[in-house]
Protein backbone atom coordinates (compact mmCIF):
# COMPACT_ATOMS: atom_id res chain seq x y z
CA MET A 1 105.77 164.22 49.89
CA GLU A 2 103.91 164.92 53.09
CA THR A 3 103.09 161.23 53.41
CA LEU A 4 106.64 160.22 53.09
CA VAL A 5 107.63 162.87 55.70
CA PHE A 6 104.81 161.29 58.05
CA ILE A 7 106.19 157.78 57.52
CA GLY A 8 109.80 158.90 58.29
CA GLN A 9 108.57 160.55 61.42
CA ASN A 10 106.43 157.53 62.68
CA LEU A 11 108.66 154.57 61.68
CA ASP A 12 108.45 153.29 65.20
CA VAL A 13 104.81 153.51 65.56
CA ILE A 14 104.43 151.81 62.09
CA ALA A 15 106.56 148.96 63.12
CA GLU A 16 104.54 148.64 66.35
CA ARG A 17 101.39 148.56 64.30
CA THR A 18 102.80 146.02 61.92
CA VAL A 19 103.73 143.63 64.74
CA GLN A 20 100.27 143.89 66.06
CA HIS A 21 98.91 143.17 62.54
CA VAL A 22 101.05 140.25 61.96
CA SER A 23 100.24 138.87 65.49
CA ILE A 24 96.51 138.81 64.78
CA VAL A 25 96.70 137.28 61.46
CA GLY A 26 99.64 134.88 62.31
CA VAL A 27 97.85 133.47 65.42
CA ALA A 28 94.40 133.21 63.65
CA ILE A 29 95.94 131.45 60.44
CA GLY A 30 97.87 129.00 62.78
CA LEU A 31 94.75 128.14 64.60
CA ALA A 32 92.89 127.98 61.16
CA ILE A 33 95.48 125.49 59.88
CA LEU A 34 95.14 123.26 63.11
CA THR A 35 91.40 123.13 62.71
CA GLY A 36 90.90 123.39 58.98
CA VAL A 37 93.23 120.78 57.76
CA PRO A 38 91.95 118.04 60.03
CA ILE A 39 88.22 119.10 59.14
CA GLY A 40 89.15 119.08 55.48
CA ILE A 41 90.68 115.50 55.71
CA LEU A 42 87.69 114.18 57.75
CA ILE A 43 84.93 115.29 55.31
CA THR A 44 86.65 113.45 52.54
CA LEU A 45 85.15 110.45 54.13
CA ASN A 46 81.55 111.63 53.71
CA ALA A 47 80.19 113.72 50.81
CA ARG A 48 77.19 114.88 52.73
CA ALA A 49 79.31 116.26 55.60
CA ALA A 50 81.54 117.89 52.99
CA SER A 51 78.66 119.71 51.50
CA ILE A 52 77.43 120.85 54.82
CA VAL A 53 80.79 121.96 56.23
CA LEU A 54 81.71 123.79 52.96
CA TYR A 55 78.31 125.54 52.78
CA VAL A 56 78.69 126.68 56.29
CA ALA A 57 82.11 127.97 55.80
CA ALA A 58 81.07 129.73 52.67
CA ILE A 59 78.25 131.46 54.35
CA ILE A 60 80.73 132.82 57.05
CA ILE A 61 83.05 134.19 54.47
CA THR A 62 80.11 136.15 52.96
CA ILE A 63 79.30 137.91 56.13
CA PRO A 64 80.67 141.65 55.93
CA SER A 65 83.92 141.92 58.05
CA ILE A 66 82.67 145.07 59.99
CA ALA A 67 79.51 142.96 60.89
CA LEU A 68 81.49 139.88 61.95
CA PHE A 69 83.69 141.96 64.18
CA GLY A 70 80.63 143.75 65.61
CA LEU A 71 79.14 140.39 66.29
CA MET A 72 82.08 139.39 68.48
CA ILE A 73 81.39 142.38 70.84
CA PRO A 74 78.28 141.30 72.56
CA ILE A 75 79.16 137.48 72.48
CA LEU A 76 82.67 137.99 74.06
CA SER A 77 81.46 140.62 76.41
CA LEU A 78 80.08 137.70 78.42
CA ILE A 79 83.73 136.94 79.36
CA GLY A 80 84.87 140.34 79.43
CA GLN A 81 86.60 140.35 76.13
CA GLY A 82 84.18 142.14 73.79
CA VAL A 83 86.80 144.38 72.20
CA GLY A 84 90.55 143.99 71.41
CA TYR A 85 92.68 141.18 70.41
CA LEU A 86 90.71 137.99 71.01
CA PRO A 87 87.58 139.04 68.99
CA ALA A 88 89.94 140.01 66.22
CA VAL A 89 91.79 136.71 66.25
CA ILE A 90 88.41 134.78 66.29
CA ALA A 91 86.97 136.69 63.37
CA VAL A 92 89.97 136.21 61.24
CA LEU A 93 89.99 132.48 62.23
CA LEU A 94 86.48 132.10 60.96
CA TYR A 95 87.16 133.96 57.73
CA SER A 96 90.23 131.70 57.22
CA GLN A 97 88.33 128.31 57.29
CA LEU A 98 86.85 128.20 53.87
CA PRO A 99 90.02 128.34 51.69
CA ILE A 100 92.04 126.04 54.05
CA ILE A 101 89.09 123.42 54.37
CA ARG A 102 88.18 123.55 50.79
CA ASN A 103 91.76 123.32 49.51
CA THR A 104 92.42 120.34 51.88
CA TYR A 105 89.40 118.51 50.81
CA THR A 106 90.15 119.10 47.16
CA ALA A 107 93.67 118.00 47.54
CA ILE A 108 93.11 114.88 49.46
CA SER A 109 90.07 113.93 47.26
CA ASN A 110 92.20 114.20 44.15
CA VAL A 111 95.08 112.04 45.19
CA ASP A 112 95.72 109.54 42.29
CA PRO A 113 93.79 106.29 43.24
CA ALA A 114 96.73 104.43 41.76
CA LEU A 115 99.00 105.78 44.54
CA ARG A 116 96.61 104.79 47.14
CA GLU A 117 96.41 101.28 45.74
CA ALA A 118 100.29 101.09 45.63
CA ALA A 119 100.31 102.12 49.29
CA ARG A 120 97.71 99.44 50.16
CA GLY A 121 99.93 96.84 48.21
CA LEU A 122 102.82 97.87 50.45
CA GLY A 123 100.72 97.16 53.40
CA MET A 124 100.16 100.64 54.79
CA THR A 125 97.33 101.27 57.12
CA PRO A 126 95.00 104.08 56.22
CA SER A 127 96.72 106.40 58.75
CA GLN A 128 100.03 105.53 57.24
CA ARG A 129 98.72 106.18 53.80
CA LEU A 130 97.50 109.57 54.86
CA ARG A 131 100.79 110.59 56.52
CA ARG A 132 103.17 109.14 54.07
CA VAL A 133 101.41 109.45 50.70
CA GLU A 134 98.32 111.68 50.80
CA ILE A 135 99.30 114.56 52.84
CA PRO A 136 102.72 115.12 51.30
CA LEU A 137 101.00 115.26 47.88
CA ALA A 138 98.38 117.56 49.14
CA ILE A 139 100.73 120.09 50.56
CA PRO A 140 100.94 122.32 47.43
CA VAL A 141 97.20 122.68 47.30
CA VAL A 142 96.82 123.12 51.14
CA MET A 143 99.57 125.88 50.98
CA ALA A 144 97.77 127.58 48.19
CA GLY A 145 94.67 127.74 50.46
CA VAL A 146 96.86 129.18 53.30
CA ARG A 147 98.20 131.84 50.99
CA ILE A 148 94.70 132.79 49.99
CA ALA A 149 93.62 133.02 53.67
CA VAL A 150 96.73 135.11 54.66
CA VAL A 151 96.51 137.56 51.99
CA MET A 152 92.75 137.99 52.22
CA ASN A 153 92.88 138.36 56.05
CA ILE A 154 95.67 140.86 56.13
CA GLY A 155 93.20 143.24 54.50
CA ILE A 156 90.37 142.22 56.69
CA THR A 157 92.39 142.66 59.81
CA ALA A 158 92.59 146.36 59.11
CA ILE A 159 88.88 146.63 60.08
CA ALA A 160 89.88 145.19 63.60
CA ALA A 161 91.20 148.66 64.52
CA TYR A 162 87.41 149.64 64.94
CA ILE A 163 87.11 147.16 67.87
CA GLY A 164 90.33 148.31 69.50
CA ALA A 165 92.61 145.35 68.32
CA GLY A 166 95.23 147.80 66.91
CA GLY A 167 97.28 146.96 63.76
CA LEU A 168 97.76 149.02 60.67
CA GLY A 169 94.18 149.71 60.37
CA VAL A 170 94.54 152.17 63.06
CA PHE A 171 96.11 154.59 60.53
CA ILE A 172 93.27 154.08 58.05
CA ALA A 173 90.67 154.61 60.79
CA ARG A 174 92.32 157.71 62.05
CA GLY A 175 92.98 159.02 58.54
CA ILE A 176 89.22 158.80 57.88
CA SER A 177 88.00 160.16 61.14
CA GLN A 178 90.52 163.08 61.04
CA SER A 179 90.33 163.71 57.29
CA ASP A 180 94.18 163.01 57.08
CA PRO A 181 95.21 161.63 54.01
CA ARG A 182 98.76 161.09 55.19
CA GLN A 183 97.46 158.46 57.72
CA LEU A 184 95.10 156.95 55.28
CA ILE A 185 97.62 156.40 52.60
CA THR A 186 100.22 155.16 55.17
CA GLY A 187 97.81 152.50 56.51
CA ALA A 188 96.75 151.40 53.05
CA LEU A 189 100.29 151.34 51.72
CA PHE A 190 101.72 149.11 54.52
CA VAL A 191 98.74 146.80 54.55
CA SER A 192 99.46 146.23 50.78
CA LEU A 193 103.14 145.79 51.39
CA LEU A 194 102.58 143.35 54.11
CA ALA A 195 100.16 141.23 51.93
CA ILE A 196 102.74 141.22 49.05
CA VAL A 197 105.70 140.31 51.23
CA SER A 198 103.53 137.55 53.11
CA ASP A 199 102.44 136.06 49.75
CA TYR A 200 105.96 135.82 48.35
CA PHE A 201 107.21 134.31 51.63
CA LEU A 202 104.41 131.73 51.66
CA MET A 203 105.03 130.95 47.88
CA TRP A 204 108.72 130.33 48.76
CA LEU A 205 107.55 128.15 51.64
CA GLN A 206 105.11 126.26 49.51
CA ARG A 207 107.98 125.32 47.06
CA ARG A 208 110.30 124.19 49.69
CA LEU A 209 107.45 121.81 51.09
CA THR A 210 106.36 120.61 47.76
CA PRO A 211 107.69 117.11 46.81
CA ALA A 212 109.74 117.30 43.67
CA SER A 213 107.36 114.93 41.84
CA SER A 214 104.46 117.23 42.37
CA SER A 215 106.07 120.65 42.09
CA SER A 216 104.86 121.18 38.54
CA ARG A 217 101.23 120.76 39.91
CA ALA A 218 101.60 123.25 42.67
CA ALA A 219 99.03 126.02 42.44
CA GLY A 220 99.01 129.70 43.99
CA PRO A 221 95.97 131.94 45.01
CA SER A 222 95.52 133.15 41.51
CA GLU A 223 94.86 129.52 40.27
CA LEU A 224 92.65 128.46 43.12
CA GLY A 225 91.10 131.64 44.38
């Protein structure tokens, strides 16, 4: 009951922290899509490059989040951005690479060869095949990677409060430091709700973007995680 009273009294602060949280994750995921999808497509051309890129991305995702956020401090201090928004975005961007690159690589690699041959028979160039055939068919799996990255990083971004980036993690950090279960529960609750809402929204978007012929093959985080 005390937690509900606390939430009711701090709705404006919760809304502000939620916007900060969404901003960090949204910008980082947007940049991860802009970089990860092209990388995933390019490494389909070379198996050795694919192994190296996926291995490096896998190593990054194994670094404890608090350690990665901490590593950003001395590096970005060189440009006066050691704490706050920028290091948080960069860390979340790095964590987002593996699911997006891996799912893009898998999706493009597994396009039915018969469809590629049909596209060649129609006189399409490699770039036209990629735009008109391969990418549309890959969208369900790519979107599944985006969903994994978003849900995972909504939780990880809570740690960004420790480097002054704000977000819902502020409630968790203050709840721990002040031994205040109201703030701790509030932060955990709204981080969880944000992850659930985001996942359902992206699932709806995934279905909208999935070509009708491949909708039955669309996979979610639970299938590809």
